[in-house]
Each structure stands twice: as structure tokens, then as C-alpha cells.
Amino acid sequence: LKGLFLSGETSGFMIDPRAAMIILRVLVRKLGLQIDMTELEGQAKEIETALKQSGDKDSDSAGSSEYIG
């Protein structure tokens, strides 16, 4: 094996630590590696929380009768 490329699917507009974790899990399983993913898991939770909060703000303003345009 001369080379290998693994890529995780992302939205393209944000850093996606969850995609990195999925790829690392494959490497851990296939190559018997031990990798501490605590930091990636924390980053993934932070981004998930931020996205949920952003979605909540969008849904709050969706019911608004204010016109912007």
C-alpha cells in the first residue's frame, strides 16, 4: 500500500470535528490504533450546541411579521 486517502463528508461551510472522528474511528478499528478523541468530541458538542441555538433563533424569527427585503 503506497498511499491512502480518507475523506469525511462535511457541509463545506464549517469545520466538522464529527467527520474527523468518524474517519479516526475507522483507522482505530482497522489499524488497531489508540487515539484520544476527547478534544474532538468536545469541539463536536460545542458546534452542535451553536447550531441548535442558531436554529432556535431562526425559528423564532420565522414567525415574525417584520418584512426584510
PDB file of N, CA and C in Angstrom:
ATOM      1  N   LEU A   1       0.854  -1.181   0.000  1.00  0.00           N
ATOM      2  CA  LEU A   1       0.000   0.000   0.000  1.00  0.00           C
ATOM      3  C   LEU A   1       0.893   1.235   0.000  1.00  0.00           C
ATOM      4  N   LYS A   2       0.860   1.992  -1.089  1.00  0.00           N
ATOM      5  CA  LYS A   2       1.702   3.182  -1.203  1.00  0.00           C
ATOM      6  C   LYS A   2       1.033   4.421  -0.644  1.00  0.00           C
ATOM      7  N   GLY A   3      -0.261   4.439  -0.667  1.00  0.00           N
ATOM      8  CA  GLY A   3      -0.950   5.629  -0.174  1.00  0.00           C
ATOM      9  C   GLY A   3      -2.399   5.322   0.137  1.00  0.00           C
ATOM     10  N   LEU A   4      -2.996   6.232   0.866  1.00  0.00           N
ATOM     11  CA  LEU A   4      -4.384   6.064   1.278  1.00  0.00           C
ATOM     12  C   LEU A   4      -4.988   7.438   1.502  1.00  0.00           C
ATOM     13  N   PHE A   5      -6.212   7.616   1.063  1.00  0.00           N
ATOM     14  CA  PHE A   5      -6.909   8.880   1.271  1.00  0.00           C
ATOM     15  C   PHE A   5      -8.266   8.576   1.888  1.00  0.00           C
ATOM     16  N   LEU A   6      -8.536   9.162   3.024  1.00  0.00           N
ATOM     17  CA  LEU A   6      -9.840   9.030   3.666  1.00  0.00           C
ATOM     18  C   LEU A   6     -10.434  10.421   3.785  1.00  0.00           C
ATOM     19  N   SER A   7     -11.697  10.538   3.451  1.00  0.00           N
ATOM     20  CA  SER A   7     -12.351  11.846   3.494  1.00  0.00           C
ATOM     21  C   SER A   7     -13.711  11.696   4.154  1.00  0.00           C
ATOM     22  N   GLY A   8     -14.016  12.626   5.036  1.00  0.00           N
ATOM     23  CA  GLY A   8     -15.326  12.633   5.676  1.00  0.00           C
ATOM     24  C   GLY A   8     -16.216  13.662   5.015  1.00  0.00           C
ATOM     25  N   GLU A   9     -17.472  13.332   4.864  1.00  0.00           N
ATOM     26  CA  GLU A   9     -18.414  14.257   4.238  1.00  0.00           C
ATOM     27  C   GLU A   9     -18.755  15.377   5.218  1.00  0.00           C
ATOM     28  N   THR A  10     -18.643  16.609   4.742  1.00  0.00           N
ATOM     29  CA  THR A  10     -18.957  17.772   5.565  1.00  0.00           C
ATOM     30  C   THR A  10     -19.862  18.709   4.784  1.00  0.00           C
ATOM     31  N   SER A  11     -20.398  19.695   5.490  1.00  0.00           N
ATOM     32  CA  SER A  11     -21.251  20.676   4.829  1.00  0.00           C
ATOM     33  C   SER A  11     -20.432  21.617   3.958  1.00  0.00           C
ATOM     34  N   GLY A  12     -19.167  21.762   4.270  1.00  0.00           N
ATOM     35  CA  GLY A  12     -18.299  22.605   3.468  1.00  0.00           C
ATOM     36  C   GLY A  12     -18.176  24.031   3.960  1.00  0.00           C
ATOM     37  N   PHE A  13     -19.078  24.461   4.830  1.00  0.00           N
ATOM     38  CA  PHE A  13     -19.014  25.841   5.302  1.00  0.00           C
ATOM     39  C   PHE A  13     -18.550  25.947   6.748  1.00  0.00           C
ATOM     40  N   MET A  14     -18.344  24.821   7.396  1.00  0.00           N
ATOM     41  CA  MET A  14     -17.898  24.828   8.793  1.00  0.00           C
ATOM     42  C   MET A  14     -16.865  23.730   9.011  1.00  0.00           C
ATOM     43  N   ILE A  15     -16.052  23.923  10.030  1.00  0.00           N
ATOM     44  CA  ILE A  15     -15.169  22.849  10.490  1.00  0.00           C
ATOM     45  C   ILE A  15     -16.068  21.754  11.055  1.00  0.00           C
ATOM     46  N   ASP A  16     -15.763  20.508  10.769  1.00  0.00           N
ATOM     47  CA  ASP A  16     -16.629  19.417  11.201  1.00  0.00           C
ATOM     48  C   ASP A  16     -15.833  18.343  11.947  1.00  0.00           C
ATOM     49  N   PRO A  17     -15.656  18.520  13.259  1.00  0.00           N
ATOM     50  CA  PRO A  17     -14.900  17.527  14.019  1.00  0.00           C
ATOM     51  C   PRO A  17     -15.580  16.160  14.048  1.00  0.00           C
ATOM     52  N   ARG A  18     -16.888  16.120  13.856  1.00  0.00           N
ATOM     53  CA  ARG A  18     -17.587  14.833  13.851  1.00  0.00           C
ATOM     54  C   ARG A  18     -17.128  13.977  12.659  1.00  0.00           C
ATOM     55  N   ALA A  19     -16.917  14.608  11.509  1.00  0.00           N
ATOM     56  CA  ALA A  19     -16.413  13.878  10.337  1.00  0.00           C
ATOM     57  C   ALA A  19     -15.009  13.343  10.613  1.00  0.00           C
ATOM     58  N   ALA A  20     -14.184  14.141  11.270  1.00  0.00           N
ATOM     59  CA  ALA A  20     -12.833  13.695  11.629  1.00  0.00           C
ATOM     60  C   ALA A  20     -12.896  12.503  12.581  1.00  0.00           C
ATOM     61  N   MET A  21     -13.821  12.540  13.527  1.00  0.00           N
ATOM     62  CA  MET A  21     -13.966  11.433  14.479  1.00  0.00           C
ATOM     63  C   MET A  21     -14.362  10.144  13.760  1.00  0.00           C
ATOM     64  N   ILE A  22     -15.238  10.244  12.780  1.00  0.00           N
ATOM     65  CA  ILE A  22     -15.674   9.053  12.042  1.00  0.00           C
ATOM     66  C   ILE A  22     -14.493   8.422  11.309  1.00  0.00           C
ATOM     67  N   ILE A  23     -13.681   9.256  10.667  1.00  0.00           N
ATOM     68  CA  ILE A  23     -12.505   8.743   9.967  1.00  0.00           C
ATOM     69  C   ILE A  23     -11.524   8.118  10.957  1.00  0.00           C
ATOM     70  N   LEU A  24     -11.293   8.791  12.066  1.00  0.00           N
ATOM     71  CA  LEU A  24     -10.365   8.250  13.068  1.00  0.00           C
ATOM     72  C   LEU A  24     -10.864   6.927  13.638  1.00  0.00           C
ATOM     73  N   ARG A  25     -12.161   6.787  13.802  1.00  0.00           N
ATOM     74  CA  ARG A  25     -12.708   5.512  14.312  1.00  0.00           C
ATOM     75  C   ARG A  25     -12.417   4.369  13.338  1.00  0.00           C
ATOM     76  N   VAL A  26     -12.492   4.660  12.035  1.00  0.00           N
ATOM     77  CA  VAL A  26     -12.154   3.644  11.033  1.00  0.00           C
ATOM     78  C   VAL A  26     -10.686   3.246  11.179  1.00  0.00           C
ATOM     79  N   LEU A  27      -9.805   4.240  11.311  1.00  0.00           N
ATOM     80  CA  LEU A  27      -8.378   3.951  11.472  1.00  0.00           C
ATOM     81  C   LEU A  27      -8.105   3.169  12.751  1.00  0.00           C
ATOM     82  N   VAL A  28      -8.770   3.541  13.829  1.00  0.00           N
ATOM     83  CA  VAL A  28      -8.612   2.832  15.103  1.00  0.00           C
ATOM     84  C   VAL A  28      -8.990   1.366  14.930  1.00  0.00           C
ATOM     85  N   ARG A  29     -10.124   1.136  14.286  1.00  0.00           N
ATOM     86  CA  ARG A  29     -10.619  -0.229  14.113  1.00  0.00           C
ATOM     87  C   ARG A  29      -9.727  -1.034  13.158  1.00  0.00           C
ATOM     88  N   LYS A  30      -9.358  -0.452  12.038  1.00  0.00           N
ATOM     89  CA  LYS A  30      -8.604  -1.191  11.017  1.00  0.00           C
ATOM     90  C   LYS A  30      -7.128  -1.368  11.362  1.00  0.00           C
ATOM     91  N   LEU A  31      -6.542  -0.363  12.013  1.00  0.00           N
ATOM     92  CA  LEU A  31      -5.105  -0.402  12.274  1.00  0.00           C
ATOM     93  C   LEU A  31      -4.758  -0.685  13.733  1.00  0.00           C
ATOM     94  N   GLY A  32      -5.775  -0.827  14.564  1.00  0.00           N
ATOM     95  CA  GLY A  32      -5.533  -1.121  15.970  1.00  0.00           C
ATOM     96  C   GLY A  32      -4.878   0.027  16.722  1.00  0.00           C
ATOM     97  N   LEU A  33      -5.182   1.237  16.323  1.00  0.00           N
ATOM     98  CA  LEU A  33      -4.605   2.414  16.969  1.00  0.00           C
ATOM     99  C   LEU A  33      -5.373   2.771  18.234  1.00  0.00           C
ATOM    100  N   GLN A  34      -4.729   3.531  19.086  1.00  0.00           N
ATOM    101  CA  GLN A  34      -5.398   4.105  20.252  1.00  0.00           C
ATOM    102  C   GLN A  34      -5.275   5.617  20.134  1.00  0.00           C
ATOM    103  N   ILE A  35      -6.400   6.285  19.999  1.00  0.00           N
ATOM    104  CA  ILE A  35      -6.408   7.736  19.807  1.00  0.00           C
ATOM    105  C   ILE A  35      -7.360   8.361  20.815  1.00  0.00           C
ATOM    106  N   ASP A  36      -6.892   9.369  21.524  1.00  0.00           N
ATOM    107  CA  ASP A  36      -7.735  10.111  22.461  1.00  0.00           C
ATOM    108  C   ASP A  36      -8.535  11.152  21.670  1.00  0.00           C
ATOM    109  N   MET A  37      -9.831  10.960  21.600  1.00  0.00           N
ATOM    110  CA  MET A  37     -10.687  11.861  20.829  1.00  0.00           C
ATOM    111  C   MET A  37     -11.495  12.799  21.721  1.00  0.00           C
ATOM    112  N   THR A  38     -11.064  12.958  22.959  1.00  0.00           N
ATOM    113  CA  THR A  38     -11.778  13.808  23.908  1.00  0.00           C
ATOM    114  C   THR A  38     -11.929  15.232  23.387  1.00  0.00           C
ATOM    115  N   GLU A  39     -10.854  15.792  22.857  1.00  0.00           N
ATOM    116  CA  GLU A  39     -10.904  17.166  22.360  1.00  0.00           C
ATOM    117  C   GLU A  39     -11.845  17.291  21.156  1.00  0.00           C
ATOM    118  N   LEU A  40     -11.777  16.336  20.238  1.00  0.00           N
ATOM    119  CA  LEU A  40     -12.682  16.360  19.083  1.00  0.00           C
ATOM    120  C   LEU A  40     -14.137  16.235  19.520  1.00  0.00           C
ATOM    121  N   GLU A  41     -14.401  15.358  20.487  1.00  0.00           N
ATOM    122  CA  GLU A  41     -15.765  15.192  20.985  1.00  0.00           C
ATOM    123  C   GLU A  41     -16.280  16.487  21.592  1.00  0.00           C
ATOM    124  N   GLY A  42     -15.422  17.179  22.340  1.00  0.00           N
ATOM    125  CA  GLY A  42     -15.807  18.464  22.927  1.00  0.00           C
ATOM    126  C   GLY A  42     -16.108  19.502  21.860  1.00  0.00           C
ATOM    127  N   GLN A  43     -15.267  19.554  20.831  1.00  0.00           N
ATOM    128  CA  GLN A  43     -15.497  20.500  19.739  1.00  0.00           C
ATOM    129  C   GLN A  43     -16.796  20.179  19.008  1.00  0.00           C
ATOM    130  N   ALA A  44     -17.060  18.903  18.802  1.00  0.00           N
ATOM    131  CA  ALA A  44     -18.287  18.496  18.120  1.00  0.00           C
ATOM    132  C   ALA A  44     -19.514  18.926  18.922  1.00  0.00           C
ATOM    133  N   LYS A  45     -19.469  18.767  20.236  1.00  0.00           N
ATOM    134  CA  LYS A  45     -20.589  19.174  21.088  1.00  0.00           C
ATOM    135  C   LYS A  45     -20.780  20.687  21.058  1.00  0.00           C
ATOM    136  N   GLU A  46     -19.669  21.436  21.067  1.00  0.00           N
ATOM    137  CA  GLU A  46     -19.763  22.899  21.004  1.00  0.00           C
ATOM    138  C   GLU A  46     -20.429  23.350  19.708  1.00  0.00           C
ATOM    139  N   ILE A  47     -20.023  22.762  18.601  1.00  0.00           N
ATOM    140  CA  ILE A  47     -20.597  23.137  17.307  1.00  0.00           C
ATOM    141  C   ILE A  47     -22.064  22.735  17.244  1.00  0.00           C
ATOM    142  N   GLU A  48     -22.391  21.555  17.740  1.00  0.00           N
ATOM    143  CA  GLU A  48     -23.781  21.095  17.747  1.00  0.00           C
ATOM    144  C   GLU A  48     -24.658  22.042  18.568  1.00  0.00           C
ATOM    145  N   THR A  49     -24.165  22.469  19.723  1.00  0.00           N
ATOM    146  CA  THR A  49     -24.902  23.412  20.568  1.00  0.00           C
ATOM    147  C   THR A  49     -25.092  24.740  19.853  1.00  0.00           C
ATOM    148  N   ALA A  50     -24.037  25.241  19.222  1.00  0.00           N
ATOM    149  CA  ALA A  50     -24.122  26.515  18.499  1.00  0.00           C
ATOM    150  C   ALA A  50     -25.116  26.427  17.347  1.00  0.00           C
ATOM    151  N   LEU A  51     -25.120  25.306  16.637  1.00  0.00           N
ATOM    152  CA  LEU A  51     -26.060  25.139  15.527  1.00  0.00           C
ATOM    153  C   LEU A  51     -27.500  25.070  16.025  1.00  0.00           C
ATOM    154  N   LYS A  52     -27.717  24.385  17.146  1.00  0.00           N
ATOM    155  CA  LYS A  52     -29.066  24.319  17.714  1.00  0.00           C
ATOM    156  C   LYS A  52     -29.542  25.699  18.128  1.00  0.00           C
ATOM    157  N   GLN A  53     -28.656  26.473  18.769  1.00  0.00           N
ATOM    158  CA  GLN A  53     -29.025  27.826  19.187  1.00  0.00           C
ATOM    159  C   GLN A  53     -29.314  28.698  17.974  1.00  0.00           C
ATOM    160  N   SER A  54     -28.533  28.551  16.934  1.00  0.00           N
ATOM    161  CA  SER A  54     -28.747  29.312  15.707  1.00  0.00           C
ATOM    162  C   SER A  54     -30.083  28.925  15.077  1.00  0.00           C
ATOM    163  N   GLY A  55     -30.384  27.634  15.081  1.00  0.00           N
ATOM    164  CA  GLY A  55     -31.657  27.161  14.540  1.00  0.00           C
ATOM    165  C   GLY A  55     -32.831  27.668  15.346  1.00  0.00           C
ATOM    166  N   ASP A  56     -32.668  27.736  16.675  1.00  0.00           N
ATOM    167  CA  ASP A  56     -33.731  28.260  17.527  1.00  0.00           C
ATOM    168  C   ASP A  56     -33.987  29.727  17.226  1.00  0.00           C
ATOM    169  N   LYS A  57     -32.931  30.493  17.006  1.00  0.00           N
ATOM    170  CA  LYS A  57     -33.089  31.911  16.679  1.00  0.00           C
ATOM    171  C   LYS A  57     -33.791  32.073  15.340  1.00  0.00           C
ATOM    172  N   ASP A  58     -33.427  31.232  14.358  1.00  0.00           N
ATOM    173  CA  ASP A  58     -34.055  31.304  13.044  1.00  0.00           C
ATOM    174  C   ASP A  58     -35.536  30.963  13.126  1.00  0.00           C
ATOM    175  N   SER A  59     -35.886  29.954  13.921  1.00  0.00           N
ATOM    176  CA  SER A  59     -37.290  29.566  14.020  1.00  0.00           C
ATOM    177  C   SER A  59     -38.093  30.625  14.768  1.00  0.00           C
ATOM    178  N   ASP A  60     -37.459  31.325  15.717  1.00  0.00           N
ATOM    179  CA  ASP A  60     -38.143  32.410  16.414  1.00  0.00           C
ATOM    180  C   ASP A  60     -38.452  33.548  15.456  1.00  0.00           C
ATOM    181  N   SER A  61     -37.512  33.879  14.594  1.00  0.00           N
ATOM    182  CA  SER A  61     -37.720  34.996  13.675  1.00  0.00           C
ATOM    183  C   SER A  61     -38.584  34.595  12.488  1.00  0.00           C
ATOM    184  N   ALA A  62     -38.757  33.300  12.240  1.00  0.00           N
ATOM    185  CA  ALA A  62     -39.578  32.853  11.117  1.00  0.00           C
ATOM    186  C   ALA A  62     -41.038  33.234  11.321  1.00  0.00           C
ATOM    187  N   GLY A  63     -41.472  33.305  12.557  1.00  0.00           N
ATOM    188  CA  GLY A  63     -42.847  33.674  12.840  1.00  0.00           C
ATOM    189  C   GLY A  63     -43.058  35.174  12.900  1.00  0.00           C
ATOM    190  N   SER A  64     -42.017  35.931  12.725  1.00  0.00           N
ATOM    191  CA  SER A  64     -42.089  37.383  12.806  1.00  0.00           C
ATOM    192  C   SER A  64     -42.799  37.949  11.590  1.00  0.00           C
ATOM    193  N   SER A  65     -43.557  39.006  11.819  1.00  0.00           N
ATOM    194  CA  SER A  65     -44.271  39.642  10.709  1.00  0.00           C
ATOM    195  C   SER A  65     -43.471  40.788  10.106  1.00  0.00           C
ATOM    196  N   GLU A  66     -42.248  40.980  10.591  1.00  0.00           N
ATOM    197  CA  GLU A  66     -41.414  42.041  10.038  1.00  0.00           C
ATOM    198  C   GLU A  66     -40.955  41.652   8.642  1.00  0.00           C
ATOM    199  N   TYR A  67     -40.967  42.618   7.742  1.00  0.00           N
ATOM    200  CA  TYR A  67     -40.528  42.372   6.377  1.00  0.00           C
ATOM    201  C   TYR A  67     -39.113  42.887   6.206  1.00  0.00           C
ATOM    202  N   ILE A  68     -38.252  42.045   5.698  1.00  0.00           N
ATOM    203  CA  ILE A  68     -36.896  42.463   5.368  1.00  0.00           C
ATOM    204  C   ILE A  68     -36.684  42.105   3.913  1.00  0.00           C
ATOM    205  N   GLY A  69     -36.391  43.061   3.124  1.00  0.00           N
ATOM    206  CA  GLY A  69     -36.165  42.707   1.728  1.00  0.00           C
ATOM    207  C   GLY A  69     -36.170  43.891   0.905  1.00  0.00           C
TER     208      GLY A  69
END
